[in-house]
Structure formats: C-alpha cells, structure tokens
C-alpha cells in the first residue's frame, strides 16, 4: 500500500512541477532512468533518496505524505503570501475561499 503511494505521489508531484522523469533523475545526480524505475514500481528510493526528491520538488517530507494536499509546493507558496497580508485582507481572502467552496 505505502509502496504504491510513494511511487504514485512522486509521479504526481513531478508532473505538477512540469519536469520529465529523465530531467528529474539527472538533476538528482542519478542515472537517467532512476525516477522512471520508481514511478513504474520497479524500485523504491532510499530514505535519503526520498529526502532529495522532496528537496527537488520544493516540499518537506511532511508535505510529501500529506494525502489531503494535492499540490504542496503551490500551497506552501500561497501560505507564504498570506502571511504578508494584514487582518482585513485575510478576512477578504477567507470570504472568497468560503464562497469558492460553496460555504457561506
């Protein structure tokens, strides 16, 4: 179960980032088929390898295993931007989000 999750999560986050498996593999200092083998369930990364993959994707290991967060790098960026806003702006943003989710 977790093996499939890890491999599928790497593939999903790589696609969101917009990089090829080959480019990601080479950027990680691995052979050009490293990520492809992981995504095709022929291999699993080591723990250290997973940390490097998370760093490459711009996320934390905690983000990686957060199943409820489909796009952790984007969400982290949004949170950083929100931290710079004042209370009034945050209230407006919260209202927009509730409206988008269909909640009043």
PDB file of N, CA and C in Angstrom:
ATOM      1  N   UNK A   1       0.824  -1.197   0.000  1.00  0.00           N
ATOM      2  CA  UNK A   1       0.000   0.000   0.000  1.00  0.00           C
ATOM      3  C   UNK A   1       0.867   1.259   0.000  1.00  0.00           C
ATOM      4  N   UNK A   2       1.772   1.383   0.963  1.00  0.00           N
ATOM      5  CA  UNK A   2       2.609   2.576   1.032  1.00  0.00           C
ATOM      6  C   UNK A   2       3.600   2.633  -0.118  1.00  0.00           C
ATOM      7  N   UNK A   3       4.028   1.472  -0.602  1.00  0.00           N
ATOM      8  CA  UNK A   3       4.932   1.463  -1.742  1.00  0.00           C
ATOM      9  C   UNK A   3       4.259   2.122  -2.934  1.00  0.00           C
ATOM     10  N   UNK A   4       3.011   1.729  -3.201  1.00  0.00           N
ATOM     11  CA  UNK A   4       2.283   2.344  -4.311  1.00  0.00           C
ATOM     12  C   UNK A   4       2.092   3.831  -4.077  1.00  0.00           C
ATOM     13  N   UNK A   5       1.776   4.217  -2.849  1.00  0.00           N
ATOM     14  CA  UNK A   5       1.573   5.631  -2.546  1.00  0.00           C
ATOM     15  C   UNK A   5       2.825   6.430  -2.869  1.00  0.00           C
ATOM     16  N   UNK A   6       3.958   5.963  -2.399  1.00  0.00           N
ATOM     17  CA  UNK A   6       5.211   6.687  -2.604  1.00  0.00           C
ATOM     18  C   UNK A   6       5.496   6.861  -4.085  1.00  0.00           C
ATOM     19  N   UNK A   7       5.380   5.792  -4.829  1.00  0.00           N
ATOM     20  CA  UNK A   7       5.692   5.849  -6.252  1.00  0.00           C
ATOM     21  C   UNK A   7       4.691   6.718  -7.018  1.00  0.00           C
ATOM     22  N   UNK A   8       3.418   6.583  -6.695  1.00  0.00           N
ATOM     23  CA  UNK A   8       2.399   7.393  -7.370  1.00  0.00           C
ATOM     24  C   UNK A   8       2.504   8.863  -6.984  1.00  0.00           C
ATOM     25  N   UNK A   9       2.847   9.139  -5.737  1.00  0.00           N
ATOM     26  CA  UNK A   9       2.984  10.524  -5.276  1.00  0.00           C
ATOM     27  C   UNK A   9       4.147  11.214  -5.973  1.00  0.00           C
ATOM     28  N   UNK A  10       5.263  10.514  -6.120  1.00  0.00           N
ATOM     29  CA  UNK A  10       6.406  11.090  -6.825  1.00  0.00           C
ATOM     30  C   UNK A  10       5.998  11.442  -8.251  1.00  0.00           C
ATOM     31  N   UNK A  11       5.309  10.542  -8.929  1.00  0.00           N
ATOM     32  CA  UNK A  11       4.883  10.795 -10.311  1.00  0.00           C
ATOM     33  C   UNK A  11       3.952  12.001 -10.390  1.00  0.00           C
ATOM     34  N   UNK A  12       2.986  12.050  -9.487  1.00  0.00           N
ATOM     35  CA  UNK A  12       2.009  13.137  -9.499  1.00  0.00           C
ATOM     36  C   UNK A  12       2.675  14.499  -9.262  1.00  0.00           C
ATOM     37  N   UNK A  13       3.547  14.560  -8.261  1.00  0.00           N
ATOM     38  CA  UNK A  13       4.203  15.828  -7.937  1.00  0.00           C
ATOM     39  C   UNK A  13       5.198  16.249  -9.021  1.00  0.00           C
ATOM     40  N   UNK A  14       5.827  15.275  -9.660  1.00  0.00           N
ATOM     41  CA  UNK A  14       6.744  15.593 -10.761  1.00  0.00           C
ATOM     42  C   UNK A  14       5.980  16.197 -11.930  1.00  0.00           C
ATOM     43  N   UNK A  15       4.833  15.619 -12.248  1.00  0.00           N
ATOM     44  CA  UNK A  15       4.013  16.129 -13.349  1.00  0.00           C
ATOM     45  C   UNK A  15       3.522  17.542 -13.033  1.00  0.00           C
ATOM     46  N   UNK A  16       3.092  17.769 -11.800  1.00  0.00           N
ATOM     47  CA  UNK A  16       2.659  19.111 -11.396  1.00  0.00           C
ATOM     48  C   UNK A  16       3.790  20.106 -11.571  1.00  0.00           C
ATOM     49  N   UNK A  17       5.003  19.694 -11.228  1.00  0.00           N
ATOM     50  CA  UNK A  17       6.168  20.575 -11.383  1.00  0.00           C
ATOM     51  C   UNK A  17       6.482  20.814 -12.858  1.00  0.00           C
ATOM     52  N   UNK A  18       6.083  19.874 -13.708  1.00  0.00           N
ATOM     53  CA  UNK A  18       6.273  20.029 -15.146  1.00  0.00           C
ATOM     54  C   UNK A  18       7.618  19.540 -15.657  1.00  0.00           C
ATOM     55  N   UNK A  19       8.236  18.625 -14.934  1.00  0.00           N
ATOM     56  CA  UNK A  19       9.539  18.103 -15.336  1.00  0.00           C
ATOM     57  C   UNK A  19       9.401  16.672 -15.828  1.00  0.00           C
ATOM     58  N   UNK A  20      10.298  16.283 -16.715  1.00  0.00           N
ATOM     59  CA  UNK A  20      10.307  14.902 -17.179  1.00  0.00           C
ATOM     60  C   UNK A  20      11.003  14.034 -16.136  1.00  0.00           C
ATOM     61  N   UNK A  21      10.707  12.740 -16.184  1.00  0.00           N
ATOM     62  CA  UNK A  21      11.357  11.800 -15.267  1.00  0.00           C
ATOM     63  C   UNK A  21      12.866  11.798 -15.509  1.00  0.00           C
ATOM     64  N   UNK A  22      13.262  11.904 -16.763  1.00  0.00           N
ATOM     65  CA  UNK A  22      14.687  11.907 -17.102  1.00  0.00           C
ATOM     66  C   UNK A  22      15.383  13.134 -16.521  1.00  0.00           C
ATOM     67  N   UNK A  23      14.793  14.310 -16.727  1.00  0.00           N
ATOM     68  CA  UNK A  23      15.398  15.540 -16.201  1.00  0.00           C
ATOM     69  C   UNK A  23      15.489  15.509 -14.682  1.00  0.00           C
ATOM     70  N   UNK A  24      14.449  15.007 -14.044  1.00  0.00           N
ATOM     71  CA  UNK A  24      14.461  14.931 -12.581  1.00  0.00           C
ATOM     72  C   UNK A  24      15.560  13.980 -12.116  1.00  0.00           C
ATOM     73  N   UNK A  25      15.659  12.837 -12.768  1.00  0.00           N
ATOM     74  CA  UNK A  25      16.692  11.862 -12.414  1.00  0.00           C
ATOM     75  C   UNK A  25      18.079  12.475 -12.498  1.00  0.00           C
ATOM     76  N   UNK A  26      18.360  13.135 -13.609  1.00  0.00           N
ATOM     77  CA  UNK A  26      19.678  13.733 -13.814  1.00  0.00           C
ATOM     78  C   UNK A  26      19.929  14.867 -12.827  1.00  0.00           C
ATOM     79  N   UNK A  27      18.893  15.645 -12.522  1.00  0.00           N
ATOM     80  CA  UNK A  27      19.041  16.737 -11.558  1.00  0.00           C
ATOM     81  C   UNK A  27      19.348  16.217 -10.160  1.00  0.00           C
ATOM     82  N   UNK A  28      18.905  15.001  -9.877  1.00  0.00           N
ATOM     83  CA  UNK A  28      19.172  14.378  -8.583  1.00  0.00           C
ATOM     84  C   UNK A  28      20.533  13.688  -8.549  1.00  0.00           C
ATOM     85  N   UNK A  29      21.240  13.738  -9.667  1.00  0.00           N
ATOM     86  CA  UNK A  29      22.559  13.112  -9.730  1.00  0.00           C
ATOM     87  C   UNK A  29      22.500  11.606  -9.927  1.00  0.00           C
ATOM     88  N   UNK A  30      21.386  11.136 -10.440  1.00  0.00           N
ATOM     89  CA  UNK A  30      21.191   9.702 -10.664  1.00  0.00           C
ATOM     90  C   UNK A  30      21.253   9.401 -12.164  1.00  0.00           C
ATOM     91  N   UNK A  31      21.182   8.117 -12.507  1.00  0.00           N
ATOM     92  CA  UNK A  31      21.139   7.778 -13.927  1.00  0.00           C
ATOM     93  C   UNK A  31      19.803   8.219 -14.506  1.00  0.00           C
ATOM     94  N   UNK A  32      19.719   8.297 -15.814  1.00  0.00           N
ATOM     95  CA  UNK A  32      18.549   8.898 -16.459  1.00  0.00           C
ATOM     96  C   UNK A  32      17.251   8.107 -16.297  1.00  0.00           C
ATOM     97  N   UNK A  33      17.305   6.874 -15.803  1.00  0.00           N
ATOM     98  CA  UNK A  33      16.087   6.075 -15.620  1.00  0.00           C
ATOM     99  C   UNK A  33      15.668   5.927 -14.159  1.00  0.00           C
ATOM    100  N   UNK A  34      16.355   6.596 -13.260  1.00  0.00           N
ATOM    101  CA  UNK A  34      16.098   6.464 -11.813  1.00  0.00           C
ATOM    102  C   UNK A  34      14.634   6.719 -11.457  1.00  0.00           C
ATOM    103  N   UNK A  35      14.095   7.860 -11.825  1.00  0.00           N
ATOM    104  CA  UNK A  35      12.711   8.210 -11.477  1.00  0.00           C
ATOM    105  C   UNK A  35      11.732   7.328 -12.238  1.00  0.00           C
ATOM    106  N   UNK A  36      12.038   7.029 -13.486  1.00  0.00           N
ATOM    107  CA  UNK A  36      11.168   6.156 -14.277  1.00  0.00           C
ATOM    108  C   UNK A  36      11.010   4.800 -13.600  1.00  0.00           C
ATOM    109  N   UNK A  37      12.091   4.235 -13.099  1.00  0.00           N
ATOM    110  CA  UNK A  37      12.026   2.941 -12.405  1.00  0.00           C
ATOM    111  C   UNK A  37      11.179   3.037 -11.139  1.00  0.00           C
ATOM    112  N   UNK A  38      11.293   4.144 -10.422  1.00  0.00           N
ATOM    113  CA  UNK A  38      10.486   4.333  -9.216  1.00  0.00           C
ATOM    114  C   UNK A  38       9.013   4.446  -9.586  1.00  0.00           C
ATOM    115  N   UNK A  39       8.711   5.308 -10.550  1.00  0.00           N
ATOM    116  CA  UNK A  39       7.312   5.533 -10.931  1.00  0.00           C
ATOM    117  C   UNK A  39       6.659   4.291 -11.533  1.00  0.00           C
ATOM    118  N   UNK A  40       7.442   3.429 -12.148  1.00  0.00           N
ATOM    119  CA  UNK A  40       6.909   2.199 -12.741  1.00  0.00           C
ATOM    120  C   UNK A  40       6.976   1.014 -11.785  1.00  0.00           C
ATOM    121  N   UNK A  41       7.178   1.325 -10.510  1.00  0.00           N
ATOM    122  CA  UNK A  41       7.144   0.340  -9.426  1.00  0.00           C
ATOM    123  C   UNK A  41       8.184  -0.770  -9.573  1.00  0.00           C
ATOM    124  N   UNK A  42       9.321  -0.408 -10.137  1.00  0.00           N
ATOM    125  CA  UNK A  42      10.430  -1.349 -10.246  1.00  0.00           C
ATOM    126  C   UNK A  42      11.478  -1.102  -9.174  1.00  0.00           C
ATOM    127  N   UNK A  43      11.334   0.014  -8.458  1.00  0.00           N
ATOM    128  CA  UNK A  43      12.295   0.371  -7.407  1.00  0.00           C
ATOM    129  C   UNK A  43      11.621   1.319  -6.431  1.00  0.00           C
ATOM    130  N   UNK A  44      12.228   1.453  -5.278  1.00  0.00           N
ATOM    131  CA  UNK A  44      11.826   2.443  -4.277  1.00  0.00           C
ATOM    132  C   UNK A  44      13.056   3.276  -3.933  1.00  0.00           C
ATOM    133  N   UNK A  45      12.861   4.564  -3.672  1.00  0.00           N
ATOM    134  CA  UNK A  45      14.024   5.355  -3.257  1.00  0.00           C
ATOM    135  C   UNK A  45      14.406   5.006  -1.820  1.00  0.00           C
ATOM    136  N   UNK A  46      15.666   5.181  -1.504  1.00  0.00           N
ATOM    137  CA  UNK A  46      16.086   5.058  -0.107  1.00  0.00           C
ATOM    138  C   UNK A  46      15.488   6.236   0.654  1.00  0.00           C
ATOM    139  N   UNK A  47      15.595   6.207   1.963  1.00  0.00           N
ATOM    140  CA  UNK A  47      15.100   7.326   2.760  1.00  0.00           C
ATOM    141  C   UNK A  47      15.839   8.604   2.377  1.00  0.00           C
ATOM    142  N   UNK A  48      17.144   8.516   2.244  1.00  0.00           N
ATOM    143  CA  UNK A  48      17.919   9.684   1.823  1.00  0.00           C
ATOM    144  C   UNK A  48      17.500  10.124   0.421  1.00  0.00           C
ATOM    145  N   UNK A  49      17.256   9.157  -0.459  1.00  0.00           N
ATOM    146  CA  UNK A  49      16.793   9.479  -1.808  1.00  0.00           C
ATOM    147  C   UNK A  49      15.460  10.194  -1.790  1.00  0.00           C
ATOM    148  N   UNK A  50      14.563   9.765  -0.904  1.00  0.00           N
ATOM    149  CA  UNK A  50      13.264  10.424  -0.779  1.00  0.00           C
ATOM    150  C   UNK A  50      13.431  11.865  -0.298  1.00  0.00           C
ATOM    151  N   UNK A  51      14.365  12.080   0.627  1.00  0.00           N
ATOM    152  CA  UNK A  51      14.630  13.450   1.088  1.00  0.00           C
ATOM    153  C   UNK A  51      15.126  14.321  -0.065  1.00  0.00           C
ATOM    154  N   UNK A  52      15.997  13.771  -0.904  1.00  0.00           N
ATOM    155  CA  UNK A  52      16.490  14.525  -2.064  1.00  0.00           C
ATOM    156  C   UNK A  52      15.363  14.806  -3.058  1.00  0.00           C
ATOM    157  N   UNK A  53      14.479  13.835  -3.220  1.00  0.00           N
ATOM    158  CA  UNK A  53      13.335  14.032  -4.116  1.00  0.00           C
ATOM    159  C   UNK A  53      12.438  15.148  -3.583  1.00  0.00           C
ATOM    160  N   UNK A  54      12.177  15.139  -2.286  1.00  0.00           N
ATOM    161  CA  UNK A  54      11.363  16.202  -1.684  1.00  0.00           C
ATOM    162  C   UNK A  54      12.022  17.560  -1.870  1.00  0.00           C
ATOM    163  N   UNK A  55      13.318  17.630  -1.649  1.00  0.00           N
ATOM    164  CA  UNK A  55      14.044  18.889  -1.837  1.00  0.00           C
ATOM    165  C   UNK A  55      13.931  19.356  -3.284  1.00  0.00           C
ATOM    166  N   UNK A  56      14.072  18.443  -4.212  1.00  0.00           N
ATOM    167  CA  UNK A  56      13.950  18.775  -5.633  1.00  0.00           C
ATOM    168  C   UNK A  56      12.559  19.326  -5.946  1.00  0.00           C
ATOM    169  N   UNK A  57      11.541  18.718  -5.344  1.00  0.00           N
ATOM    170  CA  UNK A  57      10.162  19.145  -5.592  1.00  0.00           C
ATOM    171  C   UNK A  57       9.789  20.406  -4.824  1.00  0.00           C
ATOM    172  N   UNK A  58      10.669  20.847  -3.922  1.00  0.00           N
ATOM    173  CA  UNK A  58      10.413  22.060  -3.157  1.00  0.00           C
ATOM    174  C   UNK A  58       9.410  21.862  -2.035  1.00  0.00           C
ATOM    175  N   UNK A  59       9.389  20.648  -1.482  1.00  0.00           N
ATOM    176  CA  UNK A  59       8.442  20.331  -0.413  1.00  0.00           C
ATOM    177  C   UNK A  59       9.181  19.647   0.734  1.00  0.00           C
ATOM    178  N   UNK A  60       8.496  19.533   1.859  1.00  0.00           N
ATOM    179  CA  UNK A  60       9.057  18.812   3.002  1.00  0.00           C
ATOM    180  C   UNK A  60       8.584  17.354   2.939  1.00  0.00           C
ATOM    181  N   UNK A  61       9.270  16.459   3.646  1.00  0.00           N
ATOM    182  CA  UNK A  61       8.752  15.095   3.727  1.00  0.00           C
ATOM    183  C   UNK A  61       7.329  15.051   4.303  1.00  0.00           C
ATOM    184  N   UNK A  62       7.035  15.948   5.227  1.00  0.00           N
ATOM    185  CA  UNK A  62       5.672  16.011   5.772  1.00  0.00           C
ATOM    186  C   UNK A  62       4.674  16.339   4.669  1.00  0.00           C
ATOM    187  N   UNK A  63       5.015  17.312   3.812  1.00  0.00           N
ATOM    188  CA  UNK A  63       4.148  17.639   2.677  1.00  0.00           C
ATOM    189  C   UNK A  63       3.964  16.429   1.764  1.00  0.00           C
ATOM    190  N   UNK A  64       5.043  15.696   1.555  1.00  0.00           N
ATOM    191  CA  UNK A  64       5.007  14.540   0.663  1.00  0.00           C
ATOM    192  C   UNK A  64       3.969  13.526   1.118  1.00  0.00           C
ATOM    193  N   UNK A  65       3.889  13.299   2.425  1.00  0.00           N
ATOM    194  CA  UNK A  65       2.977  12.284   2.947  1.00  0.00           C
ATOM    195  C   UNK A  65       1.605  12.829   3.332  1.00  0.00           C
ATOM    196  N   UNK A  66       1.335  14.100   3.062  1.00  0.00           N
ATOM    197  CA  UNK A  66       0.031  14.692   3.340  1.00  0.00           C
ATOM    198  C   UNK A  66      -0.910  14.393   2.176  1.00  0.00           C
ATOM    199  N   UNK A  67      -1.672  13.324   2.307  1.00  0.00           N
ATOM    200  CA  UNK A  67      -2.567  12.875   1.238  1.00  0.00           C
ATOM    201  C   UNK A  67      -3.635  13.902   0.873  1.00  0.00           C
ATOM    202  N   UNK A  68      -3.983  14.771   1.810  1.00  0.00           N
ATOM    203  CA  UNK A  68      -5.034  15.762   1.578  1.00  0.00           C
ATOM    204  C   UNK A  68      -4.527  17.003   0.858  1.00  0.00           C
ATOM    205  N   UNK A  69      -3.254  17.050   0.531  1.00  0.00           N
ATOM    206  CA  UNK A  69      -2.660  18.204  -0.123  1.00  0.00           C
ATOM    207  C   UNK A  69      -2.147  17.784  -1.501  1.00  0.00           C
ATOM    208  N   UNK A  70      -2.963  17.986  -2.538  1.00  0.00           N
ATOM    209  CA  UNK A  70      -2.569  17.517  -3.861  1.00  0.00           C
ATOM    210  C   UNK A  70      -1.426  18.301  -4.499  1.00  0.00           C
ATOM    211  N   UNK A  71      -1.196  19.517  -4.043  1.00  0.00           N
ATOM    212  CA  UNK A  71      -0.158  20.353  -4.644  1.00  0.00           C
ATOM    213  C   UNK A  71       0.583  21.130  -3.556  1.00  0.00           C
ATOM    214  N   UNK A  72       1.432  20.454  -2.793  1.00  0.00           N
ATOM    215  CA  UNK A  72       2.058  21.089  -1.626  1.00  0.00           C
ATOM    216  C   UNK A  72       2.947  22.286  -1.942  1.00  0.00           C
ATOM    217  N   UNK A  73       3.665  22.271  -3.041  1.00  0.00           N
ATOM    218  CA  UNK A  73       4.548  23.405  -3.352  1.00  0.00           C
ATOM    219  C   UNK A  73       3.718  24.665  -3.585  1.00  0.00           C
ATOM    220  N   UNK A  74       2.603  24.537  -4.304  1.00  0.00           N
ATOM    221  CA  UNK A  74       1.732  25.695  -4.547  1.00  0.00           C
ATOM    222  C   UNK A  74       1.115  26.184  -3.243  1.00  0.00           C
ATOM    223  N   UNK A  75       0.635  25.261  -2.436  1.00  0.00           N
ATOM    224  CA  UNK A  75       0.010  25.647  -1.176  1.00  0.00           C
ATOM    225  C   UNK A  75       1.005  26.340  -0.255  1.00  0.00           C
ATOM    226  N   UNK A  76       2.229  25.838  -0.199  1.00  0.00           N
ATOM    227  CA  UNK A  76       3.257  26.489   0.624  1.00  0.00           C
ATOM    228  C   UNK A  76       3.503  27.919   0.156  1.00  0.00           C
ATOM    229  N   UNK A  77       3.529  28.129  -1.158  1.00  0.00           N
ATOM    230  CA  UNK A  77       3.717  29.473  -1.696  1.00  0.00           C
ATOM    231  C   UNK A  77       2.566  30.400  -1.341  1.00  0.00           C
ATOM    232  N   UNK A  78       1.354  29.872  -1.417  1.00  0.00           N
ATOM    233  CA  UNK A  78       0.178  30.667  -1.066  1.00  0.00           C
ATOM    234  C   UNK A  78       0.218  31.041   0.413  1.00  0.00           C
ATOM    235  N   UNK A  79       0.576  30.091   1.258  1.00  0.00           N
ATOM    236  CA  UNK A  79       0.651  30.359   2.694  1.00  0.00           C
ATOM    237  C   UNK A  79       1.695  31.440   2.983  1.00  0.00           C
ATOM    238  N   UNK A  80       2.839  31.363   2.311  1.00  0.00           N
ATOM    239  CA  UNK A  80       3.862  32.401   2.489  1.00  0.00           C
ATOM    240  C   UNK A  80       3.318  33.771   2.103  1.00  0.00           C
ATOM    241  N   UNK A  81       2.570  33.843   0.999  1.00  0.00           N
ATOM    242  CA  UNK A  81       1.978  35.114   0.567  1.00  0.00           C
ATOM    243  C   UNK A  81       0.941  35.604   1.565  1.00  0.00           C
ATOM    244  N   UNK A  82       0.131  34.689   2.108  1.00  0.00           N
ATOM    245  CA  UNK A  82      -0.894  35.075   3.065  1.00  0.00           C
ATOM    246  C   UNK A  82      -0.298  35.649   4.349  1.00  0.00           C
ATOM    247  N   UNK A  83       0.846  35.151   4.740  1.00  0.00           N
ATOM    248  CA  UNK A  83       1.493  35.628   5.960  1.00  0.00           C
ATOM    249  C   UNK A  83       1.863  37.108   5.874  1.00  0.00           C
ATOM    250  N   UNK A  84       1.994  37.617   4.666  1.00  0.00           N
ATOM    251  CA  UNK A  84       2.367  39.020   4.485  1.00  0.00           C
ATOM    252  C   UNK A  84       1.163  39.964   4.499  1.00  0.00           C
ATOM    253  N   UNK A  85      -0.046  39.413   4.552  1.00  0.00           N
ATOM    254  CA  UNK A  85      -1.250  40.240   4.493  1.00  0.00           C
ATOM    255  C   UNK A  85      -1.693  40.677   5.879  1.00  0.00           C
ATOM    256  N   UNK A  86      -2.410  41.817   5.927  1.00  0.00           N
ATOM    257  CA  UNK A  86      -2.974  42.274   7.194  1.00  0.00           C
ATOM    258  C   UNK A  86      -4.299  41.549   7.469  1.00  0.00           C
ATOM    259  N   UNK A  87      -4.867  41.791   8.642  1.00  0.00           N
ATOM    260  CA  UNK A  87      -6.067  41.080   9.076  1.00  0.00           C
ATOM    261  C   UNK A  87      -7.246  41.332   8.142  1.00  0.00           C
ATOM    262  N   UNK A  88      -7.398  42.549   7.675  1.00  0.00           N
ATOM    263  CA  UNK A  88      -8.523  42.879   6.785  1.00  0.00           C
ATOM    264  C   UNK A  88      -8.413  42.097   5.477  1.00  0.00           C
ATOM    265  N   UNK A  89      -7.241  42.063   4.902  1.00  0.00           N
ATOM    266  CA  UNK A  89      -7.042  41.328   3.649  1.00  0.00           C
ATOM    267  C   UNK A  89      -7.290  39.833   3.863  1.00  0.00           C
ATOM    268  N   UNK A  90      -6.823  39.296   5.001  1.00  0.00           N
ATOM    269  CA  UNK A  90      -7.049  37.880   5.288  1.00  0.00           C
ATOM    270  C   UNK A  90      -8.539  37.571   5.424  1.00  0.00           C
ATOM    271  N   UNK A  91      -9.292  38.488   6.011  1.00  0.00           N
ATOM    272  CA  UNK A  91     -10.737  38.307   6.138  1.00  0.00           C
ATOM    273  C   UNK A  91     -11.384  38.229   4.763  1.00  0.00           C
ATOM    274  N   UNK A  92     -10.961  39.087   3.857  1.00  0.00           N
ATOM    275  CA  UNK A  92     -11.495  39.069   2.483  1.00  0.00           C
ATOM    276  C   UNK A  92     -11.136  37.765   1.774  1.00  0.00           C
ATOM    277  N   UNK A  93      -9.889  37.358   1.913  1.00  0.00           N
ATOM    278  CA  UNK A  93      -9.448  36.118   1.275  1.00  0.00           C
ATOM    279  C   UNK A  93     -10.233  34.927   1.832  1.00  0.00           C
ATOM    280  N   UNK A  94     -10.445  34.905   3.134  1.00  0.00           N
ATOM    281  CA  UNK A  94     -11.212  33.820   3.752  1.00  0.00           C
ATOM    282  C   UNK A  94     -12.629  33.775   3.190  1.00  0.00           C
ATOM    283  N   UNK A  95     -13.227  34.938   2.980  1.00  0.00           N
ATOM    284  CA  UNK A  95     -14.568  35.005   2.397  1.00  0.00           C
ATOM    285  C   UNK A  95     -14.595  34.460   0.978  1.00  0.00           C
ATOM    286  N   UNK A  96     -13.604  34.815   0.204  1.00  0.00           N
ATOM    287  CA  UNK A  96     -13.517  34.319  -1.179  1.00  0.00           C
ATOM    288  C   UNK A  96     -13.374  32.798  -1.183  1.00  0.00           C
ATOM    289  N   UNK A  97     -12.538  32.281  -0.317  1.00  0.00           N
ATOM    290  CA  UNK A  97     -12.331  30.829  -0.254  1.00  0.00           C
ATOM    291  C   UNK A  97     -13.624  30.121   0.141  1.00  0.00           C
ATOM    292  N   UNK A  98     -14.305  30.642   1.149  1.00  0.00           N
ATOM    293  CA  UNK A  98     -15.576  30.016   1.568  1.00  0.00           C
ATOM    294  C   UNK A  98     -16.586  30.040   0.422  1.00  0.00           C
ATOM    295  N   UNK A  99     -16.641  31.146  -0.304  1.00  0.00           N
ATOM    296  CA  UNK A  99     -17.563  31.253  -1.423  1.00  0.00           C
ATOM    297  C   UNK A  99     -17.204  30.256  -2.526  1.00  0.00           C
ATOM    298  N   UNK A 100     -15.926  30.108  -2.805  1.00  0.00           N
ATOM    299  CA  UNK A 100     -15.486  29.169  -3.827  1.00  0.00           C
ATOM    300  C   UNK A 100     -15.816  27.721  -3.446  1.00  0.00           C
ATOM    301  N   UNK A 101     -15.769  27.439  -2.155  1.00  0.00           N
ATOM    302  CA  UNK A 101     -16.087  26.091  -1.673  1.00  0.00           C
ATOM    303  C   UNK A 101     -17.579  25.882  -1.495  1.00  0.00           C
ATOM    304  N   UNK A 102     -18.375  26.926  -1.727  1.00  0.00           N
ATOM    305  CA  UNK A 102     -19.818  26.813  -1.617  1.00  0.00           C
ATOM    306  C   UNK A 102     -20.340  26.920  -0.210  1.00  0.00           C
ATOM    307  N   UNK A 103     -19.543  27.484   0.695  1.00  0.00           N
ATOM    308  CA  UNK A 103     -19.964  27.641   2.079  1.00  0.00           C
ATOM    309  C   UNK A 103     -20.125  29.132   2.374  1.00  0.00           C
ATOM    310  N   UNK A 104     -21.129  29.475   3.088  1.00  0.00           N
ATOM    311  CA  UNK A 104     -21.377  30.876   3.442  1.00  0.00           C
ATOM    312  C   UNK A 104     -20.915  31.161   4.839  1.00  0.00           C
TER     313      UNK A 104
END
